[in-house]
Amino acid sequence: MAASHIFKVQFVREGKVWEVYARKVTHGGLFGFLEVEDFVFGERSTVVVDPGEEKIKAEFAGVKRTWLPLHAVLRVDEVKKSGVSKITTYEGGNVSPFPLSMVPGPDSGGRK
């Protein structure tokens, strides 16, 4: 039987780092987007409720799949088990993203 894959996806949204867990992550059919499908949320085995995870659950309630812009994705890790989804403050540090245009221009050899 094949092992079950769990992916931790970290991305920037609204100036914060969002961390979610999903069973399927692919490059998807939309150019420049990462497709994230089959979200995994922690079970409510305790009385303590994490408001960050509740906000993420509410945001993705009823969502089968979502597409994240590649420039917003910070990291994707394959992990052994899911953790708690969370939203944290973004501390950019001294690293800047490389300026990248993913839209082919007229001189790219694609269109004439």
C-alpha atoms as a PDB file:
ATOM      1  CA  MET A   1       0.000   0.000   0.000  1.00  0.00           C
ATOM      2  CA  ALA A   2       1.338   3.442  -0.918  1.00  0.00           C
ATOM      3  CA  ALA A   3       2.384   5.799   1.839  1.00  0.00           C
ATOM      4  CA  SER A   4       0.091   8.729   2.531  1.00  0.00           C
ATOM      5  CA  HIS A   5       1.735  12.035   1.659  1.00  0.00           C
ATOM      6  CA  ILE A   6       1.213  15.166   3.747  1.00  0.00           C
ATOM      7  CA  PHE A   7       2.606  18.500   2.600  1.00  0.00           C
ATOM      8  CA  LYS A   8       3.176  21.610   4.680  1.00  0.00           C
ATOM      9  CA  VAL A   9       2.717  24.710   2.519  1.00  0.00           C
ATOM     10  CA  GLN A  10       3.820  28.142   3.716  1.00  0.00           C
ATOM     11  CA  PHE A  11       2.742  31.218   1.783  1.00  0.00           C
ATOM     12  CA  VAL A  12       2.388  34.964   2.303  1.00  0.00           C
ATOM     13  CA  ARG A  13      -1.066  36.525   2.335  1.00  0.00           C
ATOM     14  CA  GLU A  14      -2.201  39.869   3.728  1.00  0.00           C
ATOM     15  CA  GLY A  15       1.304  40.513   5.097  1.00  0.00           C
ATOM     16  CA  LYS A  16       1.291  37.331   7.188  1.00  0.00           C
ATOM     17  CA  VAL A  17       2.693  33.826   6.738  1.00  0.00           C
ATOM     18  CA  TRP A  18      -0.032  31.195   6.401  1.00  0.00           C
ATOM     19  CA  GLU A  19       0.867  27.565   7.050  1.00  0.00           C
ATOM     20  CA  VAL A  20      -1.517  24.855   5.845  1.00  0.00           C
ATOM     21  CA  TYR A  21      -1.351  21.089   5.428  1.00  0.00           C
ATOM     22  CA  ALA A  22      -2.624  19.219   2.385  1.00  0.00           C
ATOM     23  CA  ARG A  23      -2.502  15.772   0.864  1.00  0.00           C
ATOM     24  CA  LYS A  24      -1.921  16.910  -2.723  1.00  0.00           C
ATOM     25  CA  VAL A  25       0.298  19.715  -4.067  1.00  0.00           C
ATOM     26  CA  THR A  26       1.079  20.078  -7.776  1.00  0.00           C
ATOM     27  CA  HIS A  27       2.108  22.727 -10.282  1.00  0.00           C
ATOM     28  CA  GLY A  28      -1.478  22.602 -11.527  1.00  0.00           C
ATOM     29  CA  GLY A  29      -2.964  23.612 -14.835  1.00  0.00           C
ATOM     30  CA  LEU A  30      -2.755  27.363 -14.297  1.00  0.00           C
ATOM     31  CA  PHE A  31       0.553  28.881 -15.350  1.00  0.00           C
ATOM     32  CA  GLY A  32       2.360  30.533 -12.419  1.00  0.00           C
ATOM     33  CA  PHE A  33       0.224  28.924  -9.707  1.00  0.00           C
ATOM     34  CA  LEU A  34       0.696  26.098  -7.210  1.00  0.00           C
ATOM     35  CA  GLU A  35      -2.348  23.849  -6.832  1.00  0.00           C
ATOM     36  CA  VAL A  36      -3.147  22.761  -3.258  1.00  0.00           C
ATOM     37  CA  GLU A  37      -5.855  20.159  -2.709  1.00  0.00           C
ATOM     38  CA  ASP A  38      -7.392  18.065   0.085  1.00  0.00           C
ATOM     39  CA  PHE A  39      -6.611  20.215   3.129  1.00  0.00           C
ATOM     40  CA  VAL A  40      -5.822  18.506   6.446  1.00  0.00           C
ATOM     41  CA  PHE A  41      -6.806  20.105   9.735  1.00  0.00           C
ATOM     42  CA  GLY A  42      -6.099  18.892  13.263  1.00  0.00           C
ATOM     43  CA  GLU A  43      -8.717  16.944  15.153  1.00  0.00           C
ATOM     44  CA  ARG A  44     -10.449  18.604  18.076  1.00  0.00           C
ATOM     45  CA  SER A  45      -9.203  16.272  20.767  1.00  0.00           C
ATOM     46  CA  THR A  46      -8.703  19.027  23.330  1.00  0.00           C
ATOM     47  CA  VAL A  47     -10.759  21.840  24.777  1.00  0.00           C
ATOM     48  CA  VAL A  48      -8.244  24.490  23.678  1.00  0.00           C
ATOM     49  CA  VAL A  49      -9.147  26.092  20.355  1.00  0.00           C
ATOM     50  CA  ASP A  50      -6.464  27.850  18.316  1.00  0.00           C
ATOM     51  CA  PRO A  51      -7.987  31.016  16.772  1.00  0.00           C
ATOM     52  CA  GLY A  52      -5.408  30.992  13.960  1.00  0.00           C
ATOM     53  CA  GLU A  53      -6.379  27.505  12.872  1.00  0.00           C
ATOM     54  CA  GLU A  54     -10.068  28.371  13.186  1.00  0.00           C
ATOM     55  CA  LYS A  55      -9.549  31.366  10.850  1.00  0.00           C
ATOM     56  CA  ILE A  56      -7.832  29.121   8.303  1.00  0.00           C
ATOM     57  CA  LYS A  57     -10.578  26.492   8.610  1.00  0.00           C
ATOM     58  CA  ALA A  58     -13.216  29.167   8.021  1.00  0.00           C
ATOM     59  CA  GLU A  59     -11.277  30.595   5.053  1.00  0.00           C
ATOM     60  CA  PHE A  60     -11.007  27.194   3.349  1.00  0.00           C
ATOM     61  CA  ALA A  61     -14.387  25.767   4.412  1.00  0.00           C
ATOM     62  CA  GLY A  62     -15.969  24.117   1.393  1.00  0.00           C
ATOM     63  CA  VAL A  63     -12.849  24.635  -0.750  1.00  0.00           C
ATOM     64  CA  LYS A  64     -11.894  21.520  -2.690  1.00  0.00           C
ATOM     65  CA  ARG A  65      -8.746  22.998  -4.195  1.00  0.00           C
ATOM     66  CA  THR A  66      -7.001  26.353  -4.309  1.00  0.00           C
ATOM     67  CA  TRP A  67      -4.336  27.891  -6.494  1.00  0.00           C
ATOM     68  CA  LEU A  68      -1.599  29.974  -4.876  1.00  0.00           C
ATOM     69  CA  PRO A  69       0.505  32.414  -6.917  1.00  0.00           C
ATOM     70  CA  LEU A  70       4.076  31.116  -7.095  1.00  0.00           C
ATOM     71  CA  HIS A  71       5.487  34.445  -5.915  1.00  0.00           C
ATOM     72  CA  ALA A  72       3.514  34.082  -2.644  1.00  0.00           C
ATOM     73  CA  VAL A  73       4.752  30.560  -1.838  1.00  0.00           C
ATOM     74  CA  LEU A  74       7.633  30.487   0.628  1.00  0.00           C
ATOM     75  CA  ARG A  75       8.138  26.769   1.085  1.00  0.00           C
ATOM     76  CA  VAL A  76       6.612  23.324   0.516  1.00  0.00           C
ATOM     77  CA  ASP A  77       7.722  20.403   2.701  1.00  0.00           C
ATOM     78  CA  GLU A  78       6.660  16.766   2.669  1.00  0.00           C
ATOM     79  CA  VAL A  79       6.140  15.807   6.323  1.00  0.00           C
ATOM     80  CA  LYS A  80       5.316  12.582   8.151  1.00  0.00           C
ATOM     81  CA  LYS A  81       2.205  13.945   9.847  1.00  0.00           C
ATOM     82  CA  SER A  82       0.168  17.112   9.822  1.00  0.00           C
ATOM     83  CA  GLY A  83       0.541  19.790  12.438  1.00  0.00           C
ATOM     84  CA  VAL A  84      -1.564  22.746  13.430  1.00  0.00           C
ATOM     85  CA  SER A  85      -2.327  25.209  10.648  1.00  0.00           C
ATOM     86  CA  LYS A  86      -1.383  28.711  11.715  1.00  0.00           C
ATOM     87  CA  ILE A  87      -0.968  32.333  10.736  1.00  0.00           C
ATOM     88  CA  THR A  88       2.153  34.169  11.921  1.00  0.00           C
ATOM     89  CA  THR A  89       3.637  37.588  11.371  1.00  0.00           C
ATOM     90  CA  TYR A  90       5.911  37.952   8.364  1.00  0.00           C
ATOM     91  CA  GLU A  91       9.492  38.794   9.259  1.00  0.00           C
ATOM     92  CA  GLY A  92      11.094  39.345   5.887  1.00  0.00           C
ATOM     93  CA  GLY A  93      14.629  39.942   7.115  1.00  0.00           C
ATOM     94  CA  ASN A  94      17.225  41.112   4.633  1.00  0.00           C
ATOM     95  CA  VAL A  95      16.317  38.732   1.791  1.00  0.00           C
ATOM     96  CA  SER A  96      14.381  40.170  -1.146  1.00  0.00           C
ATOM     97  CA  PRO A  97      12.591  38.107  -3.765  1.00  0.00           C
ATOM     98  CA  PHE A  98      14.235  37.974  -7.165  1.00  0.00           C
ATOM     99  CA  PRO A  99      12.250  40.121  -9.625  1.00  0.00           C
ATOM    100  CA  LEU A 100      10.686  37.669 -12.028  1.00  0.00           C
ATOM    101  CA  SER A 101       8.326  38.130 -14.912  1.00  0.00           C
ATOM    102  CA  MET A 102       6.591  34.885 -15.781  1.00  0.00           C
ATOM    103  CA  VAL A 103       4.556  36.336 -18.643  1.00  0.00           C
ATOM    104  CA  PRO A 104       6.253  35.680 -21.987  1.00  0.00           C
ATOM    105  CA  GLY A 105       6.941  38.808 -23.941  1.00  0.00           C
ATOM    106  CA  PRO A 106       6.759  39.348 -27.698  1.00  0.00           C
ATOM    107  CA  ASP A 107      10.505  38.617 -28.061  1.00  0.00           C
ATOM    108  CA  SER A 108      10.383  35.318 -26.144  1.00  0.00           C
ATOM    109  CA  GLY A 109       9.926  33.232 -29.288  1.00  0.00           C
ATOM    110  CA  GLY A 110       6.425  32.141 -28.335  1.00  0.00           C
ATOM    111  CA  ARG A 111       4.217  34.467 -30.393  1.00  0.00           C
ATOM    112  CA  LYS A 112       4.988  36.439 -33.477  1.00  0.00           C
END
